[in-house]
C-alpha atoms as a PDB file:
ATOM      1  CA  UNK A   1      11.974  -9.782  23.849  1.00  0.00           C
ATOM      2  CA  UNK A   2      13.611 -11.468  20.224  1.00  0.00           C
ATOM      3  CA  UNK A   3      13.939  -8.505  17.421  1.00  0.00           C
ATOM      4  CA  UNK A   4      11.399  -8.331  14.613  1.00  0.00           C
ATOM      5  CA  UNK A   5      11.817 -10.295  11.563  1.00  0.00           C
ATOM      6  CA  UNK A   6      13.250  -7.492   8.495  1.00  0.00           C
ATOM      7  CA  UNK A   7      10.228  -7.886   6.417  1.00  0.00           C
ATOM      8  CA  UNK A   8      11.239  -5.882   3.192  1.00  0.00           C
ATOM      9  CA  UNK A   9      14.523  -5.289   2.328  1.00  0.00           C
ATOM     10  CA  UNK A  10      16.038  -2.497  -0.423  1.00  0.00           C
ATOM     11  CA  UNK A  11      19.174  -2.200  -1.023  1.00  0.00           C
ATOM     12  CA  UNK A  12      20.699   0.350  -3.842  1.00  0.00           C
ATOM     13  CA  UNK A  13      17.683   0.252  -6.466  1.00  0.00           C
ATOM     14  CA  UNK A  14      18.512   1.938  -9.936  1.00  0.00           C
ATOM     15  CA  UNK A  15      15.637   2.818 -11.912  1.00  0.00           C
ATOM     16  CA  UNK A  16      16.339   4.822 -15.448  1.00  0.00           C
ATOM     17  CA  UNK A  17      13.180   4.324 -17.978  1.00  0.00           C
ATOM     18  CA  UNK A  18      13.537   5.005 -21.406  1.00  0.00           C
ATOM     19  CA  UNK A  19      17.201   5.332 -21.478  1.00  0.00           C
ATOM     20  CA  UNK A  20      19.650   6.940 -24.166  1.00  0.00           C
ATOM     21  CA  UNK A  21      16.379   8.637 -25.160  1.00  0.00           C
ATOM     22  CA  UNK A  22      15.088  12.612 -24.809  1.00  0.00           C
ATOM     23  CA  UNK A  23      12.593  10.956 -22.841  1.00  0.00           C
ATOM     24  CA  UNK A  24      15.541   9.142 -20.579  1.00  0.00           C
ATOM     25  CA  UNK A  25      14.365   9.663 -16.931  1.00  0.00           C
ATOM     26  CA  UNK A  26      16.322   7.984 -13.498  1.00  0.00           C
ATOM     27  CA  UNK A  27      13.188   7.253 -11.136  1.00  0.00           C
ATOM     28  CA  UNK A  28      15.491   5.513  -8.481  1.00  0.00           C
ATOM     29  CA  UNK A  29      18.896   6.981  -7.571  1.00  0.00           C
ATOM     30  CA  UNK A  30      20.754   3.929  -5.109  1.00  0.00           C
ATOM     31  CA  UNK A  31      17.060   3.741  -2.346  1.00  0.00           C
ATOM     32  CA  UNK A  32      17.712   1.411   0.479  1.00  0.00           C
ATOM     33  CA  UNK A  33      14.738   0.693   2.658  1.00  0.00           C
ATOM     34  CA  UNK A  34      14.218  -1.727   5.696  1.00  0.00           C
ATOM     35  CA  UNK A  35      10.659  -2.731   7.187  1.00  0.00           C
ATOM     36  CA  UNK A  36      10.995  -4.422  10.264  1.00  0.00           C
ATOM     37  CA  UNK A  37       7.677  -6.886  10.985  1.00  0.00           C
ATOM     38  CA  UNK A  38       4.335  -4.791  11.193  1.00  0.00           C
ATOM     39  CA  UNK A  39       6.043  -1.213  10.309  1.00  0.00           C
ATOM     40  CA  UNK A  40       3.437   0.920   9.034  1.00  0.00           C
ATOM     41  CA  UNK A  41       5.408   3.293   6.803  1.00  0.00           C
ATOM     42  CA  UNK A  42       3.860   6.054   4.502  1.00  0.00           C
ATOM     43  CA  UNK A  43       6.170   7.507   0.979  1.00  0.00           C
ATOM     44  CA  UNK A  44       5.210  10.915  -0.051  1.00  0.00           C
ATOM     45  CA  UNK A  45       6.823  12.894  -2.198  1.00  0.00           C
ATOM     46  CA  UNK A  46       5.571  15.047  -5.610  1.00  0.00           C
ATOM     47  CA  UNK A  47       5.132  14.325  -8.902  1.00  0.00           C
ATOM     48  CA  UNK A  48       8.465  12.797 -10.029  1.00  0.00           C
ATOM     49  CA  UNK A  49       9.911  11.527  -6.818  1.00  0.00           C
ATOM     50  CA  UNK A  50      10.087   8.281  -7.060  1.00  0.00           C
ATOM     51  CA  UNK A  51       6.962   6.580  -5.015  1.00  0.00           C
ATOM     52  CA  UNK A  52       4.969   4.961  -7.475  1.00  0.00           C
ATOM     53  CA  UNK A  53       8.096   3.360  -9.213  1.00  0.00           C
ATOM     54  CA  UNK A  54       9.775   2.020  -6.194  1.00  0.00           C
ATOM     55  CA  UNK A  55       5.702   1.199  -4.952  1.00  0.00           C
ATOM     56  CA  UNK A  56       6.387  -1.176  -8.599  1.00  0.00           C
ATOM     57  CA  UNK A  57       9.341  -2.240  -8.751  1.00  0.00           C
ATOM     58  CA  UNK A  58       8.892  -3.821  -4.689  1.00  0.00           C
ATOM     59  CA  UNK A  59       6.030  -5.556  -6.842  1.00  0.00           C
ATOM     60  CA  UNK A  60       7.407  -6.960  -9.500  1.00  0.00           C
ATOM     61  CA  UNK A  61       5.492  -4.610 -11.950  1.00  0.00           C
ATOM     62  CA  UNK A  62       8.974  -2.821 -13.489  1.00  0.00           C
ATOM     63  CA  UNK A  63      12.295  -4.867 -13.546  1.00  0.00           C
ATOM     64  CA  UNK A  64      15.017  -2.457 -11.558  1.00  0.00           C
ATOM     65  CA  UNK A  65      18.451  -1.561 -13.596  1.00  0.00           C
ATOM     66  CA  UNK A  66      20.259  -2.657 -10.009  1.00  0.00           C
ATOM     67  CA  UNK A  67      19.911  -3.471  -6.448  1.00  0.00           C
ATOM     68  CA  UNK A  68      17.813  -6.468  -4.496  1.00  0.00           C
ATOM     69  CA  UNK A  69      14.363  -6.807  -3.021  1.00  0.00           C
ATOM     70  CA  UNK A  70      13.722  -9.188  -0.650  1.00  0.00           C
ATOM     71  CA  UNK A  71      10.337 -10.030   0.635  1.00  0.00           C
ATOM     72  CA  UNK A  72      10.047 -11.839   4.021  1.00  0.00           C
ATOM     73  CA  UNK A  73      13.749 -12.815   3.264  1.00  0.00           C
ATOM     74  CA  UNK A  74      13.262 -14.417   0.021  1.00  0.00           C
ATOM     75  CA  UNK A  75      15.108 -12.198  -2.931  1.00  0.00           C
ATOM     76  CA  UNK A  76      12.676 -11.738  -4.933  1.00  0.00           C
ATOM     77  CA  UNK A  77      14.505  -9.141  -7.248  1.00  0.00           C
ATOM     78  CA  UNK A  78      14.116 -11.720 -10.818  1.00  0.00           C
ATOM     79  CA  UNK A  79      10.314 -13.137  -9.467  1.00  0.00           C
ATOM     80  CA  UNK A  80       7.994 -12.038 -11.831  1.00  0.00           C
ATOM     81  CA  UNK A  81       5.292 -10.255 -10.513  1.00  0.00           C
ATOM     82  CA  UNK A  82       2.830 -13.195 -10.317  1.00  0.00           C
ATOM     83  CA  UNK A  83       4.499 -15.367  -8.348  1.00  0.00           C
ATOM     84  CA  UNK A  84       5.761 -12.288  -6.148  1.00  0.00           C
ATOM     85  CA  UNK A  85       2.218 -12.055  -5.295  1.00  0.00           C
ATOM     86  CA  UNK A  86       1.955 -14.733  -2.805  1.00  0.00           C
ATOM     87  CA  UNK A  87       3.975 -12.392  -0.593  1.00  0.00           C
ATOM     88  CA  UNK A  88       2.406  -9.360  -1.271  1.00  0.00           C
ATOM     89  CA  UNK A  89      -1.438  -7.875  -0.725  1.00  0.00           C
ATOM     90  CA  UNK A  90      -2.068  -4.863  -2.917  1.00  0.00           C
ATOM     91  CA  UNK A  91      -5.000  -2.148  -2.771  1.00  0.00           C
ATOM     92  CA  UNK A  92      -4.569  -0.016  -6.013  1.00  0.00           C
ATOM     93  CA  UNK A  93      -5.980   3.565  -6.520  1.00  0.00           C
ATOM     94  CA  UNK A  94      -8.699   2.647  -9.152  1.00  0.00           C
ATOM     95  CA  UNK A  95     -11.706   1.354  -6.776  1.00  0.00           C
ATOM     96  CA  UNK A  96     -12.529  -1.045  -9.851  1.00  0.00           C
ATOM     97  CA  UNK A  97      -9.624  -3.034 -10.069  1.00  0.00           C
ATOM     98  CA  UNK A  98      -9.512  -5.082  -7.409  1.00  0.00           C
ATOM     99  CA  UNK A  99     -12.686  -6.468  -6.938  1.00  0.00           C
ATOM    100  CA  UNK A 100     -15.242  -7.998  -9.566  1.00  0.00           C
ATOM    101  CA  UNK A 101     -18.257  -6.610 -10.131  1.00  0.00           C
ATOM    102  CA  UNK A 102     -20.753  -9.034 -11.280  1.00  0.00           C
ATOM    103  CA  UNK A 103     -19.709 -11.011  -8.212  1.00  0.00           C
ATOM    104  CA  UNK A 104     -20.990 -11.121  -4.508  1.00  0.00           C
ATOM    105  CA  UNK A 105     -19.686  -9.355  -1.995  1.00  0.00           C
ATOM    106  CA  UNK A 106     -19.127 -12.836  -0.198  1.00  0.00           C
ATOM    107  CA  UNK A 107     -18.002 -14.456  -3.975  1.00  0.00           C
ATOM    108  CA  UNK A 108     -15.607 -11.689  -3.416  1.00  0.00           C
ATOM    109  CA  UNK A 109     -14.191 -12.913  -0.707  1.00  0.00           C
ATOM    110  CA  UNK A 110     -14.501 -15.939  -1.312  1.00  0.00           C
ATOM    111  CA  UNK A 111     -11.545 -15.790  -4.347  1.00  0.00           C
ATOM    112  CA  UNK A 112      -9.848 -13.736  -1.806  1.00  0.00           C
ATOM    113  CA  UNK A 113      -9.274 -16.424   0.663  1.00  0.00           C
ATOM    114  CA  UNK A 114      -8.777 -19.100  -1.701  1.00  0.00           C
ATOM    115  CA  UNK A 115      -6.044 -17.268  -3.462  1.00  0.00           C
ATOM    116  CA  UNK A 116      -3.111 -19.294  -3.814  1.00  0.00           C
ATOM    117  CA  UNK A 117      -5.082 -22.936  -3.308  1.00  0.00           C
ATOM    118  CA  UNK A 118      -6.330 -25.336  -6.149  1.00  0.00           C
ATOM    119  CA  UNK A 119      -8.871 -24.251  -8.280  1.00  0.00           C
ATOM    120  CA  UNK A 120     -12.281 -26.293  -8.631  1.00  0.00           C
ATOM    121  CA  UNK A 121     -15.459 -25.428 -10.404  1.00  0.00           C
ATOM    122  CA  UNK A 122     -17.723 -24.893  -7.471  1.00  0.00           C
ATOM    123  CA  UNK A 123     -17.567 -21.371  -5.634  1.00  0.00           C
ATOM    124  CA  UNK A 124     -19.321 -23.260  -2.668  1.00  0.00           C
ATOM    125  CA  UNK A 125     -19.525 -20.815   0.066  1.00  0.00           C
ATOM    126  CA  UNK A 126     -19.587 -22.994   3.788  1.00  0.00           C
ATOM    127  CA  UNK A 127     -21.749 -21.496   6.639  1.00  0.00           C
ATOM    128  CA  UNK A 128     -18.678 -21.459   8.873  1.00  0.00           C
ATOM    129  CA  UNK A 129     -16.875 -19.169   5.693  1.00  0.00           C
ATOM    130  CA  UNK A 130     -19.863 -16.613   5.246  1.00  0.00           C
ATOM    131  CA  UNK A 131     -19.696 -16.042   9.618  1.00  0.00           C
ATOM    132  CA  UNK A 132     -16.401 -15.061   9.354  1.00  0.00           C
ATOM    133  CA  UNK A 133     -17.084 -12.801   6.259  1.00  0.00           C
ATOM    134  CA  UNK A 134     -19.316 -10.780   8.547  1.00  0.00           C
ATOM    135  CA  UNK A 135     -16.602 -10.488  11.573  1.00  0.00           C
ATOM    136  CA  UNK A 136     -14.361  -9.331   8.946  1.00  0.00           C
ATOM    137  CA  UNK A 137     -16.805  -7.210   7.365  1.00  0.00           C
ATOM    138  CA  UNK A 138     -17.523  -5.223  11.010  1.00  0.00           C
ATOM    139  CA  UNK A 139     -14.732  -3.770  10.683  1.00  0.00           C
ATOM    140  CA  UNK A 140     -15.286  -1.740   7.852  1.00  0.00           C
ATOM    141  CA  UNK A 141     -18.180  -0.258   9.693  1.00  0.00           C
ATOM    142  CA  UNK A 142     -19.664  -0.038   6.702  1.00  0.00           C
ATOM    143  CA  UNK A 143     -22.964  -2.122   7.027  1.00  0.00           C
ATOM    144  CA  UNK A 144     -21.773  -4.275   4.382  1.00  0.00           C
ATOM    145  CA  UNK A 145     -21.775  -7.486   6.694  1.00  0.00           C
ATOM    146  CA  UNK A 146     -25.568  -7.502   6.302  1.00  0.00           C
ATOM    147  CA  UNK A 147     -25.034  -7.146   2.880  1.00  0.00           C
ATOM    148  CA  UNK A 148     -23.502 -10.462   1.783  1.00  0.00           C
ATOM    149  CA  UNK A 149     -25.353 -11.320  -1.179  1.00  0.00           C
ATOM    150  CA  UNK A 150     -25.105  -7.514  -3.015  1.00  0.00           C
ATOM    151  CA  UNK A 151     -23.360  -6.971  -6.141  1.00  0.00           C
ATOM    152  CA  UNK A 152     -20.558  -5.318  -5.613  1.00  0.00           C
ATOM    153  CA  UNK A 153     -20.728  -3.405  -8.982  1.00  0.00           C
ATOM    154  CA  UNK A 154     -23.625  -1.559  -6.500  1.00  0.00           C
ATOM    155  CA  UNK A 155     -21.317  -0.705  -4.033  1.00  0.00           C
ATOM    156  CA  UNK A 156     -20.090   2.881  -4.141  1.00  0.00           C
ATOM    157  CA  UNK A 157     -16.109   3.703  -4.452  1.00  0.00           C
ATOM    158  CA  UNK A 158     -15.418   3.536  -0.943  1.00  0.00           C
ATOM    159  CA  UNK A 159     -17.333   0.390  -0.208  1.00  0.00           C
ATOM    160  CA  UNK A 160     -15.396  -1.045  -3.410  1.00  0.00           C
ATOM    161  CA  UNK A 161     -12.026  -0.290  -2.182  1.00  0.00           C
ATOM    162  CA  UNK A 162     -12.394  -1.339   1.853  1.00  0.00           C
ATOM    163  CA  UNK A 163     -13.716  -4.156   0.306  1.00  0.00           C
ATOM    164  CA  UNK A 164     -10.626  -4.112  -1.890  1.00  0.00           C
ATOM    165  CA  UNK A 165      -8.437  -4.084   1.334  1.00  0.00           C
ATOM    166  CA  UNK A 166      -9.903  -6.540   3.511  1.00  0.00           C
ATOM    167  CA  UNK A 167      -9.584  -8.901   0.477  1.00  0.00           C
ATOM    168  CA  UNK A 168      -6.511  -8.246   0.221  1.00  0.00           C
ATOM    169  CA  UNK A 169      -5.318  -8.660   4.020  1.00  0.00           C
ATOM    170  CA  UNK A 170      -7.692 -11.610   4.224  1.00  0.00           C
ATOM    171  CA  UNK A 171      -4.764 -14.484   3.864  1.00  0.00           C
ATOM    172  CA  UNK A 172      -2.342 -11.759   5.786  1.00  0.00           C
ATOM    173  CA  UNK A 173       0.510 -11.136   3.146  1.00  0.00           C
ATOM    174  CA  UNK A 174       4.099 -10.762   4.532  1.00  0.00           C
ATOM    175  CA  UNK A 175       3.669  -6.962   2.789  1.00  0.00           C
ATOM    176  CA  UNK A 176       0.800  -4.812   2.126  1.00  0.00           C
ATOM    177  CA  UNK A 177       0.702  -2.013  -0.464  1.00  0.00           C
ATOM    178  CA  UNK A 178      -1.154   0.690  -0.831  1.00  0.00           C
ATOM    179  CA  UNK A 179      -1.075   2.656  -3.674  1.00  0.00           C
ATOM    180  CA  UNK A 180      -2.608   6.122  -2.668  1.00  0.00           C
ATOM    181  CA  UNK A 181      -5.691   3.748  -2.439  1.00  0.00           C
ATOM    182  CA  UNK A 182      -7.853   6.613  -0.945  1.00  0.00           C
ATOM    183  CA  UNK A 183      -6.720   9.601  -4.024  1.00  0.00           C
ATOM    184  CA  UNK A 184      -9.593   9.065  -5.917  1.00  0.00           C
ATOM    185  CA  UNK A 185     -12.215   9.315  -2.965  1.00  0.00           C
ATOM    186  CA  UNK A 186     -13.911  12.120  -1.894  1.00  0.00           C
ATOM    187  CA  UNK A 187     -12.589  12.957   2.102  1.00  0.00           C
ATOM    188  CA  UNK A 188     -15.367  11.472   4.686  1.00  0.00           C
ATOM    189  CA  UNK A 189     -15.109   8.215   2.956  1.00  0.00           C
ATOM    190  CA  UNK A 190     -10.978   8.453   2.619  1.00  0.00           C
ATOM    191  CA  UNK A 191     -10.734   8.808   6.352  1.00  0.00           C
ATOM    192  CA  UNK A 192     -13.615   6.172   7.085  1.00  0.00           C
ATOM    193  CA  UNK A 193     -11.539   3.670   4.880  1.00  0.00           C
ATOM    194  CA  UNK A 194      -8.104   4.926   5.883  1.00  0.00           C
ATOM    195  CA  UNK A 195      -9.284   4.433   9.688  1.00  0.00           C
ATOM    196  CA  UNK A 196     -10.321   1.098   8.646  1.00  0.00           C
ATOM    197  CA  UNK A 197      -6.602   0.559   7.430  1.00  0.00           C
ATOM    198  CA  UNK A 198      -5.340   0.941  10.472  1.00  0.00           C
ATOM    199  CA  UNK A 199      -7.750  -1.218  12.406  1.00  0.00           C
ATOM    200  CA  UNK A 200      -6.730  -4.116   9.691  1.00  0.00           C
ATOM    201  CA  UNK A 201      -2.682  -3.255   9.796  1.00  0.00           C
ATOM    202  CA  UNK A 202      -3.302  -2.914  13.922  1.00  0.00           C
ATOM    203  CA  UNK A 203      -5.068  -6.406  14.171  1.00  0.00           C
ATOM    204  CA  UNK A 204      -2.819  -8.344  12.032  1.00  0.00           C
ATOM    205  CA  UNK A 205       0.281  -6.579  12.636  1.00  0.00           C
ATOM    206  CA  UNK A 206       0.930  -6.370   8.775  1.00  0.00           C
ATOM    207  CA  UNK A 207       4.278  -4.913   7.726  1.00  0.00           C
ATOM    208  CA  UNK A 208       2.679  -2.076   5.000  1.00  0.00           C
ATOM    209  CA  UNK A 209       3.534   0.840   2.367  1.00  0.00           C
ATOM    210  CA  UNK A 210       1.570   3.125   1.875  1.00  0.00           C
ATOM    211  CA  UNK A 211       1.725   5.581  -0.986  1.00  0.00           C
ATOM    212  CA  UNK A 212       0.060   9.041  -0.577  1.00  0.00           C
ATOM    213  CA  UNK A 213       0.329  12.842  -1.559  1.00  0.00           C
ATOM    214  CA  UNK A 214      -1.071  13.861   1.325  1.00  0.00           C
ATOM    215  CA  UNK A 215       0.700  14.511   4.073  1.00  0.00           C
ATOM    216  CA  UNK A 216      -1.846  15.360   6.641  1.00  0.00           C
ATOM    217  CA  UNK A 217      -2.962  11.436   5.934  1.00  0.00           C
ATOM    218  CA  UNK A 218       1.121  10.639   5.923  1.00  0.00           C
ATOM    219  CA  UNK A 219       1.680  12.510   9.539  1.00  0.00           C
ATOM    220  CA  UNK A 220      -1.270  11.158  10.824  1.00  0.00           C
ATOM    221  CA  UNK A 221      -0.902   7.263   9.912  1.00  0.00           C
ATOM    222  CA  UNK A 222       1.507   5.061  10.258  1.00  0.00           C
ATOM    223  CA  UNK A 223       4.721   4.431  12.661  1.00  0.00           C
ATOM    224  CA  UNK A 224       7.193   5.811  10.025  1.00  0.00           C
ATOM    225  CA  UNK A 225       7.111   8.421   7.341  1.00  0.00           C
ATOM    226  CA  UNK A 226       9.456   8.599   4.015  1.00  0.00           C
ATOM    227  CA  UNK A 227       9.858  11.458   1.685  1.00  0.00           C
ATOM    228  CA  UNK A 228      11.217  10.628  -1.638  1.00  0.00           C
ATOM    229  CA  UNK A 229      13.122  13.644  -3.757  1.00  0.00           C
ATOM    230  CA  UNK A 230      14.189  12.937  -7.416  1.00  0.00           C
ATOM    231  CA  UNK A 231      14.491   9.253  -6.859  1.00  0.00           C
ATOM    232  CA  UNK A 232      15.768   9.444  -3.130  1.00  0.00           C
ATOM    233  CA  UNK A 233      14.959   9.244   0.290  1.00  0.00           C
ATOM    234  CA  UNK A 234      15.447  12.427   1.537  1.00  0.00           C
ATOM    235  CA  UNK A 235      13.549  12.117   5.655  1.00  0.00           C
ATOM    236  CA  UNK A 236      12.954   9.183   7.276  1.00  0.00           C
ATOM    237  CA  UNK A 237      11.263   9.553  10.954  1.00  0.00           C
ATOM    238  CA  UNK A 238       9.478   7.962  12.869  1.00  0.00           C
ATOM    239  CA  UNK A 239       8.079   7.171  17.251  1.00  0.00           C
ATOM    240  CA  UNK A 240       7.864  10.527  18.577  1.00  0.00           C
ATOM    241  CA  UNK A 241       9.679  12.784  16.286  1.00  0.00           C
ATOM    242  CA  UNK A 242       6.848  11.493  13.615  1.00  0.00           C
ATOM    243  CA  UNK A 243       4.004  11.826  15.868  1.00  0.00           C
ATOM    244  CA  UNK A 244       4.831  15.436  16.680  1.00  0.00           C
ATOM    245  CA  UNK A 245       5.357  16.513  12.809  1.00  0.00           C
ATOM    246  CA  UNK A 246       2.790  19.465  11.362  1.00  0.00           C
ATOM    247  CA  UNK A 247       2.853  20.303   8.469  1.00  0.00           C
ATOM    248  CA  UNK A 248       4.641  23.100   8.393  1.00  0.00           C
ATOM    249  CA  UNK A 249       7.465  21.183  10.213  1.00  0.00           C
ATOM    250  CA  UNK A 250       7.783  18.531   7.512  1.00  0.00           C
ATOM    251  CA  UNK A 251       7.319  21.400   4.523  1.00  0.00           C
ATOM    252  CA  UNK A 252      10.539  22.788   6.753  1.00  0.00           C
ATOM    253  CA  UNK A 253      12.521  19.660   6.903  1.00  0.00           C
ATOM    254  CA  UNK A 254      11.853  18.927   3.341  1.00  0.00           C
ATOM    255  CA  UNK A 255      13.430  22.426   2.115  1.00  0.00           C
ATOM    256  CA  UNK A 256      16.311  22.372   4.196  1.00  0.00           C
ATOM    257  CA  UNK A 257      17.297  18.468   3.192  1.00  0.00           C
ATOM    258  CA  UNK A 258      16.424  18.470  -0.637  1.00  0.00           C
ATOM    259  CA  UNK A 259      17.696  22.414  -0.297  1.00  0.00           C
ATOM    260  CA  UNK A 260      15.066  23.056  -2.693  1.00  0.00           C
ATOM    261  CA  UNK A 261      11.870  25.652  -1.695  1.00  0.00           C
ATOM    262  CA  UNK A 262       9.247  23.734  -4.350  1.00  0.00           C
ATOM    263  CA  UNK A 263       7.521  21.592  -1.974  1.00  0.00           C
ATOM    264  CA  UNK A 264       4.508  24.185  -1.816  1.00  0.00           C
ATOM    265  CA  UNK A 265       4.503  23.809  -5.499  1.00  0.00           C
ATOM    266  CA  UNK A 266       5.293  19.837  -5.762  1.00  0.00           C
ATOM    267  CA  UNK A 267       3.551  18.350  -3.031  1.00  0.00           C
ATOM    268  CA  UNK A 268      -0.700  18.459  -3.243  1.00  0.00           C
ATOM    269  CA  UNK A 269      -1.073  19.702   0.515  1.00  0.00           C
ATOM    270  CA  UNK A 270      -4.810  18.167   0.796  1.00  0.00           C
END
């Protein structure tokens, strides 16, 4: 069996904000991480642990002070965010950020499907494309496949977030970034969006990095769990070890490796 390709390679990343001022904050302290093709890693940590800075550094939102980032074997460290977008699908915490509210569901999907192609004035959607969108929407299990002409602004937050997830993965990105993408949703809707995430990631073998505050979600979803603390990775578990983890065990492990008993205060246990 051929060895899986490394899709994300982070080597010794350093990032300090407001250097030399009273507000100086070191967010990443030499973080290194590799994700193989199809690997789904969840990243947890308290506020200020560095998880969002890590995701934004990978996306190209922040430049880094040191270290390198490669996606699919391409060194993107110096590449601007808009150019890096060709490799990345991203879903933000805010359900309104990934969709155009005044356009129909099918029009939003058509825009996502044509990302990177030459733009024309005509948005015309073919019969074949429409049939594909219907099939794609079924995986969300939200009934949106029968509402292609509905304006996206009329959808609930959960429906919009699920649609954004579909749009971000339509072109099968080399790397999918999920930035606390269910944090703004009620628990029931969040569970539905996470289930849809699991199905899409599994079906398309997507390499995925998911930031979450929720320890249960971090344990239940993905093939690997990473915990950050003060700009470093302090826990990295996968396989059977991850499957058997419970929240109390994870807290105990965190206290042990961080030399701190702040976990209960710093991590939001939903």
